Amino acid sequence: MRKRKLATRVENIMPFQVMAVLARAKELAAQGEDVIHLEIGEPDFVAPEAVGLAGERAINQGHTGYTSATGLPELKAAISGYYQSRYGATVSPERIIVTPGASGALLLMSSLMVNEGEEVVMPDPCYPCNRHFLVQVGAKAKLVETEATNGFEMDLHGLSDVWQENTAGLWLASPSNPTGAVLSRDYITTAWDKVQQLGGHLLVDEIYQGLVYEGEDFSALSISDDIFVVNSFSKYFAMTGWRLGWLVVPEWAVGGATKLAQNLFISAPTVSQHAAVRAFSEDVLAECEERRQTLNKRRVTLLEGLSDIGLPVVAPAHGAFYVYVDVSSVTNDAMAWCLSLLEKEKVALTPGADFGVKDANRYVRFAYTCDEDRLREALGRIAHFIASK
């Protein structure tokens, strides 16, 4: 009898190291330990109440069937209006493909624009799932080493040196996970110019759009209609479990994206879509802005506290809710350091190996996803941990 086995692509997808941290953190919490969670990218906010009530109304009114594959027309119109009013970008609703989370958008993008055997250029470090989605279509990521001294920005002048015949495109993120860095308009413009010259596509991951504290909060869609953009309701709107995102494509790609969405997803969650329309109301946007200010206060608390205990922040943490920290002065193995810190001081962090290859063992990611008092408590515990070595 032939032995059954998993598809070979599964072997090419690395598990998150942070899952080992999270699993142990949950075990410790179940034992009554006071664990401070700074490892998972999900703040201690829930969806705004008005959004939740809109979801309830959708259920009560029977709006629970399929929508069109590309999304609820009212939602697409609301997203389009948001781009115009907030970012001065004209994006027709037809170009917006509503997806089951940003993950769905990235999976759709991989299928839409990348062939088997091709590569996509990405900076090292970057969000790991991006390269794993490529594996699903028989492609792979080409990670380009970056330097902490340059805020982990890819050197665009060297892009042509890494671009090969089988290179499909360049994927960037701003604000970035794990570094929290925000790319400038000039940088994105230069990236787009370079990619056009090389004959590829450009995708900008704007999942943390709106959560910018220093620098310009803009959309790459204000630079060119031919840039692909991914976004999500999970971060700025705090709708993680509603599983709703979107992909903006050029007009020439709408037909292909629609066909793929029909086959991959049927449609995004209907109740979530009806609720998300309410997210663009002035009162909800005002609430989201208040939360952004709260996150900024947490950011400042964490940056100042890390400086006080001698752990250098190695990227300009100007957006999202992450700080990327160099722990090489206290360990040469970030993963082991994270696990030991969790056991001894009950603080959970994410090791750098989840995000890249180059020098990943010297970095950890902090997520400032709890209140300032808890952040100060975590910093105190970490200082005690370092001093006890």
Protein backbone atom coordinates (compact mmCIF):
# COMPACT_ATOMS: atom_id res chain seq x y z
CA MET A 1 0.00 0.00 0.00
CA ARG A 2 1.39 3.39 -0.98
CA LYS A 3 2.36 5.50 1.99
CA ARG A 4 0.37 8.70 2.27
CA LYS A 5 2.33 11.90 2.79
CA LEU A 6 1.89 15.64 2.82
CA ALA A 7 2.45 17.74 -0.28
CA THR A 8 6.08 18.76 -0.66
CA ARG A 9 5.16 22.47 -0.49
CA VAL A 10 4.34 22.00 3.21
CA GLU A 11 8.01 21.30 3.89
CA ASN A 12 8.93 24.65 2.36
CA ILE A 13 6.80 26.62 4.80
CA MET A 14 8.46 27.35 8.12
CA PRO A 15 6.33 27.44 11.28
CA PHE A 16 6.25 30.63 13.32
CA GLN A 17 8.77 30.45 16.15
CA VAL A 18 6.51 32.74 18.12
CA MET A 19 3.91 29.96 18.23
CA ALA A 20 6.20 28.08 20.61
CA VAL A 21 6.39 31.20 22.76
CA LEU A 22 2.62 31.69 22.60
CA ALA A 23 1.87 28.06 23.44
CA ARG A 24 4.11 28.20 26.51
CA ALA A 25 2.69 31.59 27.50
CA LYS A 26 -0.81 30.13 27.44
CA GLU A 27 0.33 27.18 29.56
CA LEU A 28 1.81 29.52 32.13
CA ALA A 29 -1.32 31.69 32.15
CA ALA A 30 -3.47 28.60 32.65
CA GLN A 31 -1.34 27.83 35.70
CA GLY A 32 -2.21 31.21 37.14
CA GLU A 33 0.94 33.07 36.12
CA ASP A 34 0.71 36.77 35.21
CA VAL A 35 1.99 36.75 31.62
CA ILE A 36 2.47 40.03 29.76
CA HIS A 37 1.79 39.45 26.06
CA LEU A 38 3.94 41.56 23.76
CA GLU A 39 4.32 38.88 21.11
CA ILE A 40 1.12 38.89 19.05
CA GLY A 41 0.16 41.69 16.66
CA GLU A 42 -3.29 42.33 18.10
CA PRO A 43 -3.89 45.31 20.41
CA ASP A 44 -6.24 45.09 23.37
CA PHE A 45 -8.98 46.85 21.42
CA VAL A 46 -12.14 45.33 20.02
CA ALA A 47 -14.05 46.58 17.01
CA PRO A 48 -15.78 49.92 17.68
CA GLU A 49 -19.22 49.36 19.22
CA ALA A 50 -21.00 50.93 16.24
CA VAL A 51 -19.36 48.39 13.94
CA GLY A 52 -20.44 45.51 16.15
CA LEU A 53 -24.02 46.79 16.24
CA ALA A 54 -24.00 47.07 12.44
CA GLY A 55 -22.98 43.43 12.29
CA GLU A 56 -25.86 42.48 14.58
CA ARG A 57 -28.30 44.39 12.39
CA ALA A 58 -27.01 42.59 9.33
CA ILE A 59 -27.75 39.24 10.99
CA ASN A 60 -31.17 40.35 12.23
CA GLN A 61 -32.08 41.63 8.78
CA GLY A 62 -31.05 38.37 7.15
CA HIS A 63 -27.95 39.69 5.32
CA THR A 64 -26.15 36.38 5.63
CA GLY A 65 -26.00 35.07 2.07
CA TYR A 66 -23.19 35.42 -0.45
CA THR A 67 -22.23 38.81 -1.78
CA SER A 68 -20.63 39.22 -5.19
CA ALA A 69 -17.16 37.73 -5.37
CA THR A 70 -15.44 41.12 -5.29
CA GLY A 71 -17.45 42.47 -2.39
CA LEU A 72 -20.55 44.33 -1.26
CA PRO A 73 -21.07 47.35 -3.55
CA GLU A 74 -21.75 49.67 -0.60
CA LEU A 75 -18.50 48.64 1.05
CA LYS A 76 -16.44 49.06 -2.11
CA ALA A 77 -17.95 52.53 -2.55
CA ALA A 78 -17.10 53.39 1.07
CA ILE A 79 -13.48 52.26 0.64
CA SER A 80 -13.23 54.25 -2.58
CA GLY A 81 -14.57 57.35 -0.84
CA TYR A 82 -12.12 56.87 2.03
CA TYR A 83 -9.16 56.85 -0.34
CA GLN A 84 -10.39 60.08 -1.90
CA SER A 85 -11.22 61.97 1.29
CA ARG A 86 -8.28 60.88 3.42
CA TYR A 87 -5.49 60.28 0.94
CA GLY A 88 -6.48 62.23 -2.15
CA ALA A 89 -6.32 59.05 -4.24
CA THR A 90 -8.95 58.37 -6.89
CA VAL A 91 -9.73 54.64 -6.81
CA SER A 92 -12.82 53.38 -8.60
CA PRO A 93 -14.86 50.82 -6.63
CA GLU A 94 -14.43 48.34 -9.52
CA ARG A 95 -10.71 48.11 -8.74
CA ILE A 96 -11.34 47.06 -5.12
CA ILE A 97 -11.52 43.33 -4.39
CA VAL A 98 -12.84 42.62 -0.89
CA THR A 99 -11.20 39.50 0.57
CA PRO A 100 -11.30 37.22 3.63
CA GLY A 101 -8.66 39.21 5.51
CA ALA A 102 -5.47 40.67 4.09
CA SER A 103 -4.21 37.08 3.97
CA GLY A 104 -6.86 36.36 1.38
CA ALA A 105 -5.72 39.39 -0.58
CA LEU A 106 -2.10 38.24 -0.52
CA LEU A 107 -3.07 34.73 -1.60
CA LEU A 108 -5.13 36.20 -4.44
CA MET A 109 -2.21 38.46 -5.40
CA SER A 110 0.18 35.51 -5.52
CA SER A 111 -2.14 33.63 -7.85
CA LEU A 112 -2.85 36.71 -9.96
CA MET A 113 0.65 37.98 -10.65
CA VAL A 114 3.25 35.26 -9.98
CA ASN A 115 3.91 32.20 -12.11
CA GLU A 116 5.34 28.88 -11.03
CA GLY A 117 9.12 29.10 -10.87
CA GLU A 118 9.21 32.88 -10.51
CA GLU A 119 10.59 34.97 -7.68
CA VAL A 120 9.37 38.06 -5.84
CA VAL A 121 11.88 40.43 -4.27
CA MET A 122 11.26 41.33 -0.61
CA PRO A 123 13.38 43.00 2.07
CA ASP A 124 14.85 40.96 4.90
CA PRO A 125 13.23 41.27 7.46
CA CYS A 126 9.57 41.18 6.38
CA TYR A 127 6.26 39.56 7.29
CA PRO A 128 6.85 35.80 6.84
CA CYS A 129 3.45 34.83 5.42
CA ASN A 130 4.15 36.88 2.31
CA ARG A 131 6.84 34.48 1.18
CA HIS A 132 4.81 31.47 2.25
CA PHE A 133 1.89 32.48 0.04
CA LEU A 134 4.27 32.33 -2.91
CA VAL A 135 5.08 28.72 -2.10
CA GLN A 136 1.41 27.91 -2.71
CA VAL A 137 1.77 28.91 -6.36
CA GLY A 138 5.14 27.21 -6.90
CA ALA A 139 7.11 30.44 -6.60
CA LYS A 140 9.42 31.82 -3.93
CA ALA A 141 10.63 35.00 -2.29
CA LYS A 142 14.07 36.44 -2.93
CA LEU A 143 15.02 38.11 0.33
CA VAL A 144 17.37 41.06 0.00
CA GLU A 145 19.55 41.83 2.98
CA THR A 146 19.06 45.22 4.61
CA GLU A 147 20.93 47.09 7.31
CA ALA A 148 19.72 48.31 10.68
CA THR A 149 21.73 51.49 10.14
CA ASN A 150 19.43 52.28 7.20
CA GLY A 151 16.21 51.45 9.03
CA PHE A 152 16.04 48.09 7.19
CA GLU A 153 15.11 49.83 3.95
CA MET A 154 16.10 47.95 0.80
CA ASP A 155 18.71 49.75 -1.28
CA LEU A 156 16.74 50.48 -4.44
CA HIS A 157 19.88 51.40 -6.34
CA GLY A 158 20.88 47.75 -6.15
CA LEU A 159 17.49 46.40 -7.24
CA SER A 160 18.64 45.73 -10.81
CA ASP A 161 21.49 43.60 -9.44
CA VAL A 162 19.10 41.14 -7.76
CA TRP A 163 16.48 41.23 -10.52
CA GLN A 164 16.60 38.12 -12.70
CA GLU A 165 14.71 36.90 -15.77
CA ASN A 166 12.34 34.99 -13.50
CA THR A 167 11.67 37.94 -11.16
CA ALA A 168 7.98 38.87 -11.18
CA GLY A 169 7.91 41.87 -8.91
CA LEU A 170 8.79 43.71 -5.72
CA TRP A 171 6.71 43.54 -2.52
CA LEU A 172 7.13 46.24 0.11
CA ALA A 173 5.27 47.13 3.32
CA SER A 174 4.63 50.47 4.98
CA PRO A 175 4.23 50.74 7.92
CA SER A 176 6.33 47.63 8.33
CA ASN A 177 5.94 44.49 10.35
CA PRO A 178 8.25 43.81 12.24
CA THR A 179 10.11 47.12 12.32
CA GLY A 180 7.35 49.73 12.46
CA ALA A 181 9.25 51.75 9.84
CA VAL A 182 7.32 54.01 7.45
CA LEU A 183 8.50 54.36 3.86
CA SER A 184 8.49 57.85 2.36
CA ARG A 185 6.58 58.94 -0.71
CA ASP A 186 9.90 59.50 -2.50
CA TYR A 187 10.98 55.95 -1.68
CA ILE A 188 7.79 54.39 -3.06
CA THR A 189 7.98 56.61 -6.13
CA THR A 190 11.55 55.51 -6.78
CA ALA A 191 10.60 51.86 -6.24
CA TRP A 192 7.80 52.20 -8.77
CA ASP A 193 10.09 53.83 -11.32
CA LYS A 194 12.68 51.07 -10.89
CA VAL A 195 10.12 48.26 -11.14
CA GLN A 196 8.63 49.72 -14.32
CA GLN A 197 12.08 49.86 -15.89
CA LEU A 198 12.66 46.23 -14.95
CA GLY A 199 9.29 45.07 -16.28
CA GLY A 200 7.70 43.81 -13.07
CA HIS A 201 4.86 44.67 -10.71
CA LEU A 202 4.94 46.51 -7.37
CA LEU A 203 2.81 45.54 -4.38
CA VAL A 204 2.68 47.75 -1.31
CA ASP A 205 1.31 46.16 1.86
CA GLU A 206 -0.59 48.97 3.63
CA ILE A 207 -2.23 46.79 6.27
CA TYR A 208 -1.12 49.18 9.04
CA GLN A 209 -2.17 52.29 7.13
CA GLY A 210 -3.57 54.96 9.45
CA LEU A 211 -1.27 53.91 12.29
CA VAL A 212 1.46 56.43 11.49
CA TYR A 213 2.94 58.62 14.24
CA GLU A 214 5.87 60.26 12.44
CA GLY A 215 6.18 60.86 8.71
CA GLU A 216 3.48 61.09 6.05
CA ASP A 217 0.47 58.80 6.11
CA PHE A 218 -0.24 58.31 2.42
CA SER A 219 -1.22 55.57 0.00
CA ALA A 220 0.89 54.29 -2.87
CA LEU A 221 -2.32 54.57 -4.91
CA SER A 222 -1.77 58.33 -4.99
CA ILE A 223 1.46 57.67 -6.93
CA SER A 224 0.17 55.36 -9.66
CA ASP A 225 -3.00 53.47 -10.61
CA ASP A 226 -0.81 50.54 -11.65
CA ILE A 227 0.56 49.81 -8.18
CA PHE A 228 -1.13 46.94 -6.32
CA VAL A 229 -2.12 47.65 -2.70
CA VAL A 230 -3.24 45.34 0.10
CA ASN A 231 -5.14 46.63 3.11
CA SER A 232 -7.17 45.28 6.01
CA PHE A 233 -9.80 46.10 8.61
CA SER A 234 -7.79 44.22 11.24
CA LYS A 235 -5.35 46.87 12.44
CA TYR A 236 -6.57 50.47 12.23
CA PHE A 237 -10.20 49.41 12.65
CA ALA A 238 -9.39 46.66 15.23
CA MET A 239 -11.51 44.05 13.40
CA THR A 240 -9.07 41.13 13.52
CA GLY A 241 -11.57 38.30 13.95
CA TRP A 242 -13.99 39.71 11.38
CA ARG A 243 -11.54 38.47 8.70
CA LEU A 244 -11.91 41.24 6.18
CA GLY A 245 -9.38 42.90 3.89
CA TRP A 246 -9.07 44.14 0.35
CA LEU A 247 -6.79 44.24 -2.67
CA VAL A 248 -6.70 47.20 -5.06
CA VAL A 249 -5.69 46.22 -8.59
CA PRO A 250 -5.14 48.18 -11.82
CA GLU A 251 -8.09 48.29 -14.21
CA TRP A 252 -6.39 45.83 -16.55
CA ALA A 253 -6.26 43.22 -13.75
CA VAL A 254 -9.88 43.48 -12.56
CA GLY A 255 -11.18 40.65 -14.74
CA GLY A 256 -8.48 38.22 -13.68
CA ALA A 257 -8.79 39.15 -10.00
CA THR A 258 -12.57 38.70 -10.15
CA LYS A 259 -12.24 35.26 -11.69
CA LEU A 260 -9.77 34.17 -9.03
CA ALA A 261 -11.88 35.58 -6.20
CA GLN A 262 -14.89 33.63 -7.47
CA ASN A 263 -12.92 30.40 -7.33
CA LEU A 264 -10.77 30.96 -4.25
CA PHE A 265 -13.29 32.48 -1.84
CA ILE A 266 -16.79 32.71 -3.38
CA SER A 267 -17.02 35.90 -1.30
CA ALA A 268 -15.69 37.50 1.87
CA PRO A 269 -17.80 37.15 5.08
CA THR A 270 -21.08 38.93 4.41
CA VAL A 271 -21.89 40.05 7.96
CA SER A 272 -18.38 41.48 8.28
CA GLN A 273 -18.82 43.42 5.06
CA HIS A 274 -22.07 45.01 6.20
CA ALA A 275 -20.48 45.92 9.53
CA ALA A 276 -17.41 47.38 7.83
CA VAL A 277 -19.49 49.93 5.92
CA ARG A 278 -20.16 51.56 9.30
CA ALA A 279 -16.40 51.77 9.95
CA PHE A 280 -16.10 54.73 7.58
CA SER A 281 -18.59 56.91 9.49
CA GLU A 282 -17.18 60.04 11.10
CA ASP A 283 -17.81 58.87 14.67
CA VAL A 284 -16.04 55.56 14.13
CA LEU A 285 -13.10 57.20 12.38
CA ALA A 286 -12.85 59.62 15.32
CA GLU A 287 -12.73 56.66 17.71
CA CYS A 288 -10.02 55.02 15.62
CA GLU A 289 -8.03 58.24 15.73
CA GLU A 290 -8.27 58.30 19.53
CA ARG A 291 -6.93 54.76 19.58
CA ARG A 292 -4.06 55.81 17.33
CA GLN A 293 -3.15 58.47 19.87
CA THR A 294 -3.30 55.84 22.62
CA LEU A 295 -0.95 53.60 20.65
CA ASN A 296 1.43 56.50 20.15
CA LYS A 297 1.61 57.08 23.92
CA ARG A 298 2.41 53.40 24.35
CA ARG A 299 5.06 53.68 21.65
CA VAL A 300 6.78 56.55 23.42
CA THR A 301 6.62 54.73 26.76
CA LEU A 302 8.22 51.65 25.25
CA LEU A 303 10.91 53.53 23.33
CA GLU A 304 11.92 55.52 26.39
CA GLY A 305 11.86 52.43 28.60
CA LEU A 306 13.97 50.36 26.24
CA SER A 307 16.54 53.14 26.12
CA ASP A 308 16.63 53.23 29.91
CA ILE A 309 17.44 49.51 30.17
CA GLY A 310 20.07 49.60 27.42
CA LEU A 311 18.27 47.76 24.62
CA PRO A 312 18.68 49.70 21.34
CA VAL A 313 15.79 50.12 18.95
CA VAL A 314 17.30 49.51 15.52
CA ALA A 315 14.58 50.83 13.20
CA PRO A 316 12.58 54.06 13.19
CA ALA A 317 9.39 52.84 14.85
CA HIS A 318 7.17 55.45 13.23
CA GLY A 319 4.11 53.30 12.52
CA ALA A 320 2.13 50.11 13.15
CA PHE A 321 2.54 48.95 16.79
CA TYR A 322 5.94 47.28 16.75
CA VAL A 323 9.45 48.03 17.91
CA TYR A 324 12.38 45.97 16.60
CA VAL A 325 15.10 45.61 19.21
CA ASP A 326 18.73 44.50 19.12
CA VAL A 327 19.40 42.10 22.01
CA SER A 328 22.89 41.05 20.88
CA SER A 329 24.41 42.76 23.93
CA VAL A 330 22.70 40.23 26.19
CA THR A 331 22.40 37.09 24.02
CA ASN A 332 23.53 35.48 20.76
CA ASP A 333 20.31 33.47 20.48
CA ALA A 334 17.15 35.58 20.46
CA MET A 335 14.82 32.58 20.44
CA ALA A 336 16.43 31.01 23.52
CA TRP A 337 16.46 34.44 25.19
CA CYS A 338 12.74 34.89 24.53
CA LEU A 339 11.90 31.47 25.97
CA SER A 340 14.07 32.04 29.04
CA LEU A 341 12.55 35.48 29.60
CA LEU A 342 9.09 33.95 29.42
CA GLU A 343 9.93 31.25 31.95
CA LYS A 344 11.63 33.54 34.44
CA GLU A 345 9.81 36.85 34.10
CA LYS A 346 6.60 35.91 32.28
CA VAL A 347 7.06 38.39 29.41
CA ALA A 348 6.32 37.07 25.89
CA LEU A 349 8.18 38.52 22.86
CA THR A 350 8.65 37.46 19.22
CA PRO A 351 12.10 36.30 18.06
CA GLY A 352 13.54 37.88 14.93
CA ALA A 353 13.93 34.57 13.09
CA ASP A 354 10.21 34.71 12.27
CA PHE A 355 10.85 37.67 9.98
CA GLY A 356 14.13 37.09 8.19
CA VAL A 357 17.48 35.40 7.91
CA LYS A 358 20.28 37.94 8.17
CA ASP A 359 21.34 38.37 11.82
CA ALA A 360 17.85 37.30 12.86
CA ASN A 361 19.24 35.72 16.04
CA ARG A 362 20.08 39.16 17.41
CA TYR A 363 16.62 40.77 17.15
CA VAL A 364 13.27 40.56 18.91
CA ARG A 365 9.99 42.28 18.14
CA PHE A 366 7.98 44.05 20.82
CA ALA A 367 4.28 44.67 20.15
CA TYR A 368 2.94 47.54 22.27
CA THR A 369 -0.49 45.98 22.42
CA CYS A 370 -1.26 46.51 26.10
CA ASP A 371 -1.60 49.61 28.25
CA GLU A 372 1.24 51.79 29.49
CA ASP A 373 1.23 50.37 33.03
CA ARG A 374 1.66 46.85 31.67
CA LEU A 375 4.44 48.06 29.35
CA ARG A 376 6.29 49.59 32.30
CA GLU A 377 5.82 46.37 34.26
CA ALA A 378 7.21 44.37 31.34
CA LEU A 379 10.22 46.67 31.05
CA GLY A 380 10.90 46.28 34.77
CA ARG A 381 10.78 42.52 34.48
CA ILE A 382 13.11 42.55 31.48
CA ALA A 383 15.56 44.79 33.32
CA HIS A 384 15.53 42.35 36.25
CA PHE A 385 16.05 39.44 33.85
CA ILE A 386 19.07 41.10 32.24
CA ALA A 387 20.57 42.07 35.61
CA SER A 388 20.21 38.51 36.92
CA LYS A 389 22.35 37.02 34.16
